Amino acid sequence: MNNVTVLYQGSTSPEKIGSQAGEVKRDWWDNNKQILNNIEKSYKKPNTIFDPTKQIASML
């Protein structure tokens, strides 16, 4: 195999909180919380490579 194509679904709109609350939480709260934590840690340890978010890691 020489090539692999990965298609990403965009984040669920926050407007869908009523009908797809779980998806909105995963897309916005869970994912962004981990990214923010990594950004905060990077100030203490510049040039550190952090683990991917759970959503990205699940696809690897």
PDB file of N, CA and C in Angstrom:
ATOM      1  N   MET A   1       0.840  -1.157   0.000  1.00  0.00           N
ATOM      2  CA  MET A   1       0.000   0.000   0.000  1.00  0.00           C
ATOM      3  C   MET A   1       0.895   1.233   0.000  1.00  0.00           C
ATOM      4  N   ASN A   2       0.633   2.141  -0.912  1.00  0.00           N
ATOM      5  CA  ASN A   2       1.432   3.352  -1.023  1.00  0.00           C
ATOM      6  C   ASN A   2       0.746   4.593  -0.482  1.00  0.00           C
ATOM      7  N   ASN A   3      -0.564   4.618  -0.552  1.00  0.00           N
ATOM      8  CA  ASN A   3      -1.301   5.816  -0.145  1.00  0.00           C
ATOM      9  C   ASN A   3      -2.476   5.448   0.738  1.00  0.00           C
ATOM     10  N   VAL A   4      -2.756   6.301   1.686  1.00  0.00           N
ATOM     11  CA  VAL A   4      -3.922   6.148   2.544  1.00  0.00           C
ATOM     12  C   VAL A   4      -4.640   7.488   2.570  1.00  0.00           C
ATOM     13  N   THR A   5      -5.930   7.468   2.408  1.00  0.00           N
ATOM     14  CA  THR A   5      -6.729   8.686   2.482  1.00  0.00           C
ATOM     15  C   THR A   5      -7.557   8.640   3.756  1.00  0.00           C
ATOM     16  N   VAL A   6      -7.493   9.714   4.529  1.00  0.00           N
ATOM     17  CA  VAL A   6      -8.272   9.815   5.753  1.00  0.00           C
ATOM     18  C   VAL A   6      -9.223  10.993   5.590  1.00  0.00           C
ATOM     19  N   LEU A   7     -10.493  10.750   5.789  1.00  0.00           N
ATOM     20  CA  LEU A   7     -11.489  11.807   5.709  1.00  0.00           C
ATOM     21  C   LEU A   7     -11.923  12.160   7.130  1.00  0.00           C
ATOM     22  N   TYR A   8     -11.891  13.426   7.450  1.00  0.00           N
ATOM     23  CA  TYR A   8     -12.294  13.888   8.771  1.00  0.00           C
ATOM     24  C   TYR A   8     -13.669  14.529   8.690  1.00  0.00           C
ATOM     25  N   GLN A   9     -14.493  14.188   9.649  1.00  0.00           N
ATOM     26  CA  GLN A   9     -15.784  14.853   9.753  1.00  0.00           C
ATOM     27  C   GLN A   9     -15.571  16.144  10.525  1.00  0.00           C
ATOM     28  N   GLY A  10     -16.147  17.197  10.064  1.00  0.00           N
ATOM     29  CA  GLY A  10     -16.051  18.458  10.778  1.00  0.00           C
ATOM     30  C   GLY A  10     -16.779  18.393  12.112  1.00  0.00           C
ATOM     31  N   SER A  11     -16.524  19.350  12.963  1.00  0.00           N
ATOM     32  CA  SER A  11     -17.180  19.402  14.262  1.00  0.00           C
ATOM     33  C   SER A  11     -18.675  19.624  14.103  1.00  0.00           C
ATOM     34  N   THR A  12     -19.431  19.020  14.999  1.00  0.00           N
ATOM     35  CA  THR A  12     -20.874  19.215  15.025  1.00  0.00           C
ATOM     36  C   THR A  12     -21.170  20.629  15.499  1.00  0.00           C
ATOM     37  N   SER A  13     -22.064  21.293  14.838  1.00  0.00           N
ATOM     38  CA  SER A  13     -22.397  22.676  15.186  1.00  0.00           C
ATOM     39  C   SER A  13     -22.932  22.768  16.615  1.00  0.00           C
ATOM     40  N   PRO A  14     -22.471  23.750  17.378  1.00  0.00           N
ATOM     41  CA  PRO A  14     -23.018  23.943  18.727  1.00  0.00           C
ATOM     42  C   PRO A  14     -24.528  24.166  18.708  1.00  0.00           C
ATOM     43  N   GLU A  15     -25.072  24.586  17.573  1.00  0.00           N
ATOM     44  CA  GLU A  15     -26.516  24.761  17.456  1.00  0.00           C
ATOM     45  C   GLU A  15     -27.268  23.436  17.580  1.00  0.00           C
ATOM     46  N   LYS A  16     -26.554  22.323  17.443  1.00  0.00           N
ATOM     47  CA  LYS A  16     -27.168  20.993  17.528  1.00  0.00           C
ATOM     48  C   LYS A  16     -27.165  20.444  18.958  1.00  0.00           C
ATOM     49  N   ILE A  17     -26.881  21.289  19.951  1.00  0.00           N
ATOM     50  CA  ILE A  17     -26.774  20.841  21.340  1.00  0.00           C
ATOM     51  C   ILE A  17     -28.049  20.123  21.802  1.00  0.00           C
ATOM     52  N   GLY A  18     -29.201  20.550  21.292  1.00  0.00           N
ATOM     53  CA  GLY A  18     -30.463  19.918  21.688  1.00  0.00           C
ATOM     54  C   GLY A  18     -30.629  18.515  21.134  1.00  0.00           C
ATOM     55  N   SER A  19     -30.212  18.285  19.896  1.00  0.00           N
ATOM     56  CA  SER A  19     -30.436  16.989  19.247  1.00  0.00           C
ATOM     57  C   SER A  19     -29.211  16.077  19.250  1.00  0.00           C
ATOM     58  N   GLN A  20     -28.011  16.647  19.383  1.00  0.00           N
ATOM     59  CA  GLN A  20     -26.783  15.836  19.347  1.00  0.00           C
ATOM     60  C   GLN A  20     -25.818  16.295  20.441  1.00  0.00           C
ATOM     61  N   ALA A  21     -26.323  16.355  21.652  1.00  0.00           N
ATOM     62  CA  ALA A  21     -25.532  16.888  22.765  1.00  0.00           C
ATOM     63  C   ALA A  21     -24.208  16.142  22.964  1.00  0.00           C
ATOM     64  N   GLY A  22     -24.241  14.819  22.834  1.00  0.00           N
ATOM     65  CA  GLY A  22     -23.021  14.029  23.027  1.00  0.00           C
ATOM     66  C   GLY A  22     -21.947  14.360  22.005  1.00  0.00           C
ATOM     67  N   GLU A  23     -22.366  14.504  20.759  1.00  0.00           N
ATOM     68  CA  GLU A  23     -21.419  14.857  19.695  1.00  0.00           C
ATOM     69  C   GLU A  23     -20.847  16.256  19.908  1.00  0.00           C
ATOM     70  N   VAL A  24     -21.702  17.193  20.264  1.00  0.00           N
ATOM     71  CA  VAL A  24     -21.238  18.564  20.495  1.00  0.00           C
ATOM     72  C   VAL A  24     -20.224  18.576  21.639  1.00  0.00           C
ATOM     73  N   LYS A  25     -20.512  17.853  22.719  1.00  0.00           N
ATOM     74  CA  LYS A  25     -19.588  17.801  23.863  1.00  0.00           C
ATOM     75  C   LYS A  25     -18.245  17.216  23.442  1.00  0.00           C
ATOM     76  N   ARG A  26     -18.266  16.095  22.729  1.00  0.00           N
ATOM     77  CA  ARG A  26     -17.004  15.478  22.281  1.00  0.00           C
ATOM     78  C   ARG A  26     -16.243  16.399  21.345  1.00  0.00           C
ATOM     79  N   ASP A  27     -16.934  16.995  20.392  1.00  0.00           N
ATOM     80  CA  ASP A  27     -16.270  17.828  19.384  1.00  0.00           C
ATOM     81  C   ASP A  27     -15.697  19.103  19.972  1.00  0.00           C
ATOM     82  N   TRP A  28     -16.395  19.717  20.901  1.00  0.00           N
ATOM     83  CA  TRP A  28     -15.989  21.030  21.382  1.00  0.00           C
ATOM     84  C   TRP A  28     -15.357  20.978  22.771  1.00  0.00           C
ATOM     85  N   TRP A  29     -16.017  20.416  23.742  1.00  0.00           N
ATOM     86  CA  TRP A  29     -15.496  20.458  25.109  1.00  0.00           C
ATOM     87  C   TRP A  29     -14.317  19.504  25.280  1.00  0.00           C
ATOM     88  N   ASP A  30     -14.513  18.210  25.036  1.00  0.00           N
ATOM     89  CA  ASP A  30     -13.467  17.215  25.296  1.00  0.00           C
ATOM     90  C   ASP A  30     -12.211  17.490  24.481  1.00  0.00           C
ATOM     91  N   ASN A  31     -12.375  17.693  23.212  1.00  0.00           N
ATOM     92  CA  ASN A  31     -11.240  17.904  22.320  1.00  0.00           C
ATOM     93  C   ASN A  31     -10.493  19.200  22.652  1.00  0.00           C
ATOM     94  N   ASN A  32     -11.244  20.297  22.778  1.00  0.00           N
ATOM     95  CA  ASN A  32     -10.608  21.587  23.034  1.00  0.00           C
ATOM     96  C   ASN A  32      -9.976  21.659  24.416  1.00  0.00           C
ATOM     97  N   LYS A  33     -10.557  20.976  25.384  1.00  0.00           N
ATOM     98  CA  LYS A  33      -9.978  20.947  26.737  1.00  0.00           C
ATOM     99  C   LYS A  33      -8.580  20.315  26.701  1.00  0.00           C
ATOM    100  N   GLN A  34      -8.444  19.206  25.987  1.00  0.00           N
ATOM    101  CA  GLN A  34      -7.143  18.552  25.886  1.00  0.00           C
ATOM    102  C   GLN A  34      -6.141  19.432  25.133  1.00  0.00           C
ATOM    103  N   ILE A  35      -6.588  20.083  24.082  1.00  0.00           N
ATOM    104  CA  ILE A  35      -5.694  20.969  23.328  1.00  0.00           C
ATOM    105  C   ILE A  35      -5.240  22.124  24.211  1.00  0.00           C
ATOM    106  N   LEU A  36      -6.159  22.732  24.961  1.00  0.00           N
ATOM    107  CA  LEU A  36      -5.805  23.821  25.867  1.00  0.00           C
ATOM    108  C   LEU A  36      -4.802  23.356  26.923  1.00  0.00           C
ATOM    109  N   ASN A  37      -5.013  22.172  27.484  1.00  0.00           N
ATOM    110  CA  ASN A  37      -4.057  21.636  28.461  1.00  0.00           C
ATOM    111  C   ASN A  37      -2.671  21.476  27.850  1.00  0.00           C
ATOM    112  N   ASN A  38      -2.603  20.993  26.611  1.00  0.00           N
ATOM    113  CA  ASN A  38      -1.310  20.841  25.947  1.00  0.00           C
ATOM    114  C   ASN A  38      -0.640  22.197  25.710  1.00  0.00           C
ATOM    115  N   ILE A  39      -1.433  23.198  25.363  1.00  0.00           N
ATOM    116  CA  ILE A  39      -0.874  24.543  25.157  1.00  0.00           C
ATOM    117  C   ILE A  39      -0.303  25.069  26.468  1.00  0.00           C
ATOM    118  N   GLU A  40      -1.049  24.911  27.550  1.00  0.00           N
ATOM    119  CA  GLU A  40      -0.568  25.371  28.857  1.00  0.00           C
ATOM    120  C   GLU A  40       0.731  24.653  29.252  1.00  0.00           C
ATOM    121  N   LYS A  41       0.777  23.346  29.027  1.00  0.00           N
ATOM    122  CA  LYS A  41       1.988  22.574  29.349  1.00  0.00           C
ATOM    123  C   LYS A  41       3.170  23.015  28.492  1.00  0.00           C
ATOM    124  N   SER A  42       2.897  23.424  27.254  1.00  0.00           N
ATOM    125  CA  SER A  42       3.988  23.795  26.355  1.00  0.00           C
ATOM    126  C   SER A  42       4.719  25.046  26.828  1.00  0.00           C
ATOM    127  N   TYR A  43       4.048  25.889  27.602  1.00  0.00           N
ATOM    128  CA  TYR A  43       4.724  27.067  28.149  1.00  0.00           C
ATOM    129  C   TYR A  43       5.781  26.650  29.174  1.00  0.00           C
ATOM    130  N   LYS A  44       5.520  25.547  29.869  1.00  0.00           N
ATOM    131  CA  LYS A  44       6.466  25.054  30.876  1.00  0.00           C
ATOM    132  C   LYS A  44       7.570  24.206  30.239  1.00  0.00           C
ATOM    133  N   LYS A  45       7.220  23.511  29.154  1.00  0.00           N
ATOM    134  CA  LYS A  45       8.172  22.629  28.477  1.00  0.00           C
ATOM    135  C   LYS A  45       8.127  22.902  26.980  1.00  0.00           C
ATOM    136  N   PRO A  46       8.747  23.989  26.534  1.00  0.00           N
ATOM    137  CA  PRO A  46       8.748  24.279  25.088  1.00  0.00           C
ATOM    138  C   PRO A  46       9.372  23.133  24.292  1.00  0.00           C
ATOM    139  N   ASN A  47       8.947  22.994  23.065  1.00  0.00           N
ATOM    140  CA  ASN A  47       9.459  21.983  22.128  1.00  0.00           C
ATOM    141  C   ASN A  47       9.112  20.549  22.525  1.00  0.00           C
ATOM    142  N   THR A  48       8.133  20.389  23.410  1.00  0.00           N
ATOM    143  CA  THR A  48       7.681  19.054  23.780  1.00  0.00           C
ATOM    144  C   THR A  48       6.617  18.608  22.793  1.00  0.00           C
ATOM    145  N   ILE A  49       6.664  17.349  22.417  1.00  0.00           N
ATOM    146  CA  ILE A  49       5.640  16.781  21.552  1.00  0.00           C
ATOM    147  C   ILE A  49       4.630  16.083  22.453  1.00  0.00           C
ATOM    148  N   PHE A  50       3.395  16.505  22.383  1.00  0.00           N
ATOM    149  CA  PHE A  50       2.351  15.952  23.232  1.00  0.00           C
ATOM    150  C   PHE A  50       1.554  14.905  22.483  1.00  0.00           C
ATOM    151  N   ASP A  51       0.893  14.050  23.248  1.00  0.00           N
ATOM    152  CA  ASP A  51       0.042  13.021  22.653  1.00  0.00           C
ATOM    153  C   ASP A  51      -1.099  13.682  21.881  1.00  0.00           C
ATOM    154  N   PRO A  52      -1.573  13.019  20.839  1.00  0.00           N
ATOM    155  CA  PRO A  52      -2.713  13.571  20.106  1.00  0.00           C
ATOM    156  C   PRO A  52      -3.975  13.514  20.962  1.00  0.00           C
ATOM    157  N   THR A  53      -4.962  14.281  20.578  1.00  0.00           N
ATOM    158  CA  THR A  53      -6.228  14.219  21.309  1.00  0.00           C
ATOM    159  C   THR A  53      -6.813  12.820  21.173  1.00  0.00           C
ATOM    160  N   LYS A  54      -7.725  12.468  22.056  1.00  0.00           N
ATOM    161  CA  LYS A  54      -8.350  11.139  22.012  1.00  0.00           C
ATOM    162  C   LYS A  54      -9.043  10.893  20.682  1.00  0.00           C
ATOM    163  N   GLN A  55      -9.654  11.933  20.129  1.00  0.00           N
ATOM    164  CA  GLN A  55     -10.351  11.776  18.853  1.00  0.00           C
ATOM    165  C   GLN A  55      -9.377  11.423  17.731  1.00  0.00           C
ATOM    166  N   ILE A  56      -8.245  12.084  17.690  1.00  0.00           N
ATOM    167  CA  ILE A  56      -7.246  11.784  16.648  1.00  0.00           C
ATOM    168  C   ILE A  56      -6.590  10.435  16.921  1.00  0.00           C
ATOM    169  N   ALA A  57      -6.264  10.160  18.180  1.00  0.00           N
ATOM    170  CA  ALA A  57      -5.616   8.894  18.509  1.00  0.00           C
ATOM    171  C   ALA A  57      -6.499   7.697  18.146  1.00  0.00           C
ATOM    172  N   SER A  58      -7.805   7.858  18.248  1.00  0.00           N
ATOM    173  CA  SER A  58      -8.697   6.739  17.919  1.00  0.00           C
ATOM    174  C   SER A  58      -8.633   6.363  16.442  1.00  0.00           C
ATOM    175  N   MET A  59      -8.128   7.259  15.615  1.00  0.00           N
ATOM    176  CA  MET A  59      -8.038   6.990  14.180  1.00  0.00           C
ATOM    177  C   MET A  59      -6.669   6.463  13.772  1.00  0.00           C
ATOM    178  N   LEU A  60      -5.700   6.543  14.665  1.00  0.00           N
ATOM    179  CA  LEU A  60      -4.347   6.111  14.305  1.00  0.00           C
ATOM    180  C   LEU A  60      -4.174   4.629  14.388  1.00  0.00           C
TER     181      LEU A  60
END
